C-alpha atoms as a PDB file:
ATOM      1  CA  MET A   1     -24.641  28.523  10.205  1.00  0.00           C
ATOM      2  CA  LYS A   2     -25.168  25.739  12.708  1.00  0.00           C
ATOM      3  CA  LEU A   3     -22.482  23.084  13.135  1.00  0.00           C
ATOM      4  CA  ARG A   4     -24.888  20.239  12.409  1.00  0.00           C
ATOM      5  CA  THR A   5     -26.001  21.861   9.132  1.00  0.00           C
ATOM      6  CA  ALA A   6     -22.406  22.274   7.933  1.00  0.00           C
ATOM      7  CA  LEU A   7     -21.633  18.661   8.892  1.00  0.00           C
ATOM      8  CA  THR A   8     -24.636  17.433   6.922  1.00  0.00           C
ATOM      9  CA  GLN A   9     -23.506  19.383   3.849  1.00  0.00           C
ATOM     10  CA  TYR A  10     -19.970  17.988   4.171  1.00  0.00           C
ATOM     11  CA  LEU A  11     -21.180  14.409   4.527  1.00  0.00           C
ATOM     12  CA  ARG A  12     -23.519  14.743   1.541  1.00  0.00           C
ATOM     13  CA  LEU A  13     -20.691  16.140  -0.571  1.00  0.00           C
ATOM     14  CA  LYS A  14     -18.296  13.328   0.319  1.00  0.00           C
ATOM     15  CA  GLN A  15     -20.899  10.629  -0.255  1.00  0.00           C
ATOM     16  CA  SER A  16     -21.993  12.191  -3.561  1.00  0.00           C
ATOM     17  CA  LEU A  17     -18.354  12.013  -4.685  1.00  0.00           C
ATOM     18  CA  GLY A  18     -18.431   8.259  -4.111  1.00  0.00           C
ATOM     19  CA  PHE A  19     -16.701   8.021  -0.751  1.00  0.00           C
ATOM     20  CA  ARG A  20     -18.210   5.532   1.668  1.00  0.00           C
ATOM     21  CA  PHE A  21     -17.273   7.797   4.553  1.00  0.00           C
ATOM     22  CA  HIS A  22     -19.008   5.643   7.178  1.00  0.00           C
ATOM     23  CA  ALA A  23     -16.448   5.780  10.005  1.00  0.00           C
ATOM     24  CA  GLU A  24     -15.875   9.469   9.390  1.00  0.00           C
ATOM     25  CA  SER A  25     -19.604  10.186   9.544  1.00  0.00           C
ATOM     26  CA  VAL A  26     -19.777   8.435  12.926  1.00  0.00           C
ATOM     27  CA  ILE A  27     -16.876  10.560  14.186  1.00  0.00           C
ATOM     28  CA  LEU A  28     -18.420  13.786  12.891  1.00  0.00           C
ATOM     29  CA  ARG A  29     -21.843  13.019  14.327  1.00  0.00           C
ATOM     30  CA  ALA A  30     -20.256  12.279  17.712  1.00  0.00           C
ATOM     31  CA  PHE A  31     -18.422  15.587  17.423  1.00  0.00           C
ATOM     32  CA  ALA A  32     -21.709  17.405  16.738  1.00  0.00           C
ATOM     33  CA  ARG A  33     -23.329  15.732  19.756  1.00  0.00           C
ATOM     34  CA  ALA A  34     -20.365  16.678  21.957  1.00  0.00           C
ATOM     35  CA  MET A  35     -20.508  20.318  20.830  1.00  0.00           C
ATOM     36  CA  GLY A  36     -24.286  20.612  21.101  1.00  0.00           C
ATOM     37  CA  PRO A  37     -26.522  23.002  19.138  1.00  0.00           C
ATOM     38  CA  ILE A  38     -23.882  25.631  18.433  1.00  0.00           C
ATOM     39  CA  ASP A  39     -22.994  27.978  15.594  1.00  0.00           C
ATOM     40  CA  LEU A  40     -20.053  26.845  13.524  1.00  0.00           C
ATOM     41  CA  GLY A  41     -17.965  29.911  14.358  1.00  0.00           C
ATOM     42  CA  ARG A  42     -18.396  29.442  18.115  1.00  0.00           C
ATOM     43  CA  VAL A  43     -16.526  26.130  18.316  1.00  0.00           C
ATOM     44  CA  THR A  44     -13.361  26.811  20.310  1.00  0.00           C
ATOM     45  CA  PRO A  45      -9.980  25.055  20.122  1.00  0.00           C
ATOM     46  CA  VAL A  46     -10.343  24.062  23.798  1.00  0.00           C
ATOM     47  CA  ARG A  47     -13.623  22.236  23.149  1.00  0.00           C
ATOM     48  CA  VAL A  48     -12.206  20.535  20.061  1.00  0.00           C
ATOM     49  CA  ARG A  49      -9.157  19.384  22.013  1.00  0.00           C
ATOM     50  CA  ARG A  50     -11.395  18.097  24.813  1.00  0.00           C
ATOM     51  CA  TYR A  51     -13.364  16.072  22.243  1.00  0.00           C
ATOM     52  CA  LEU A  52     -10.193  14.715  20.649  1.00  0.00           C
ATOM     53  CA  ASP A  53      -8.598  13.748  23.963  1.00  0.00           C
ATOM     54  CA  GLY A  54     -11.673  11.976  25.324  1.00  0.00           C
ATOM     55  CA  GLN A  55     -10.919   9.477  28.076  1.00  0.00           C
ATOM     56  CA  GLY A  56      -7.660   7.594  28.414  1.00  0.00           C
ATOM     57  CA  PRO A  57      -4.326   7.672  26.580  1.00  0.00           C
ATOM     58  CA  LEU A  58      -3.532   8.750  23.031  1.00  0.00           C
ATOM     59  CA  THR A  59      -4.351   6.108  20.457  1.00  0.00           C
ATOM     60  CA  ARG A  60      -4.589   5.754  16.695  1.00  0.00           C
ATOM     61  CA  PHE A  61      -8.270   6.646  17.033  1.00  0.00           C
ATOM     62  CA  TRP A  62      -7.254  10.093  18.335  1.00  0.00           C
ATOM     63  CA  GLU A  63      -5.328  10.560  15.113  1.00  0.00           C
ATOM     64  CA  ARG A  64      -8.300   9.332  13.046  1.00  0.00           C
ATOM     65  CA  LYS A  65     -10.612  11.850  14.742  1.00  0.00           C
ATOM     66  CA  TRP A  66      -8.042  14.607  14.172  1.00  0.00           C
ATOM     67  CA  VAL A  67      -7.695  13.825  10.462  1.00  0.00           C
ATOM     68  CA  THR A  68     -11.478  13.716  10.049  1.00  0.00           C
ATOM     69  CA  LEU A  69     -12.021  17.053  11.809  1.00  0.00           C
ATOM     70  CA  ARG A  70      -9.164  18.620   9.885  1.00  0.00           C
ATOM     71  CA  GLY A  71     -10.834  17.589   6.609  1.00  0.00           C
ATOM     72  CA  PHE A  72     -14.162  19.011   7.737  1.00  0.00           C
ATOM     73  CA  TYR A  73     -12.625  22.328   8.720  1.00  0.00           C
ATOM     74  CA  ARG A  74     -10.764  22.540   5.405  1.00  0.00           C
ATOM     75  CA  PHE A  75     -14.189  22.256   3.785  1.00  0.00           C
ATOM     76  CA  THR A  76     -15.567  25.073   5.953  1.00  0.00           C
ATOM     77  CA  LEU A  77     -12.533  27.298   5.349  1.00  0.00           C
ATOM     78  CA  ALA A  78     -12.801  26.830   1.582  1.00  0.00           C
ATOM     79  CA  ARG A  79     -16.437  27.953   1.704  1.00  0.00           C
ATOM     80  CA  ARG A  80     -15.633  30.813   4.096  1.00  0.00           C
ATOM     81  CA  LEU A  81     -17.974  29.480   6.761  1.00  0.00           C
ATOM     82  CA  VAL A  82     -15.278  30.049   9.410  1.00  0.00           C
ATOM     83  CA  ARG A  83     -12.271  32.343   9.591  1.00  0.00           C
ATOM     84  CA  ARG A  84      -9.884  29.816  11.100  1.00  0.00           C
ATOM     85  CA  SER A  85      -9.871  26.202  12.112  1.00  0.00           C
ATOM     86  CA  PRO A  86     -10.149  25.311  15.819  1.00  0.00           C
ATOM     87  CA  VAL A  87      -8.482  21.940  15.128  1.00  0.00           C
ATOM     88  CA  PRO A  88      -4.883  21.671  16.415  1.00  0.00           C
ATOM     89  CA  ALA A  89      -2.350  22.272  13.638  1.00  0.00           C
ATOM     90  CA  ALA A  90      -0.331  19.157  14.440  1.00  0.00           C
ATOM     91  CA  ALA A  91      -1.101  15.880  16.130  1.00  0.00           C
ATOM     92  CA  PRO A  92       0.964  14.919  19.164  1.00  0.00           C
ATOM     93  CA  LYS A  93       3.332  12.019  18.805  1.00  0.00           C
ATOM     94  CA  LEU A  94       1.671   8.730  19.505  1.00  0.00           C
ATOM     95  CA  PRO A  95       3.402   6.378  21.919  1.00  0.00           C
ATOM     96  CA  ARG A  96       5.609   3.782  20.293  1.00  0.00           C
ATOM     97  CA  ARG A  97       4.099   0.441  19.646  1.00  0.00           C
ATOM     98  CA  PHE A  98       5.292  -2.444  21.727  1.00  0.00           C
ATOM     99  CA  VAL A  99       8.250  -4.159  20.078  1.00  0.00           C
ATOM    100  CA  PRO A 100       8.534  -7.731  21.311  1.00  0.00           C
ATOM    101  CA  TYR A 101      11.979  -8.916  22.300  1.00  0.00           C
ATOM    102  CA  ILE A 102      12.960 -12.485  23.022  1.00  0.00           C
ATOM    103  CA  PHE A 103      15.639 -12.818  25.655  1.00  0.00           C
ATOM    104  CA  ALA A 104      18.147 -15.495  24.825  1.00  0.00           C
END
């Protein structure tokens, strides 16, 4: 099965269940564009990590993409479309947020 076909099925399912799923659909469509016309089982962990990392430092958006892809691959695993998920098992620690300090 093609990646784009599986993504379309996943998005239809989520939206039929009443989820808005707008931001997630944007993330998943960008993922499909980044992977190209490829079979679902041929997506490698290296390519997924490259998509997640993108350009620049780790941000909350990295985590949002990771959570979205993890949900999609849970869907594919449950339907036995893939044998294992290429998404990293754990997200790296995000840098600490800036904590302002007033010098007295």
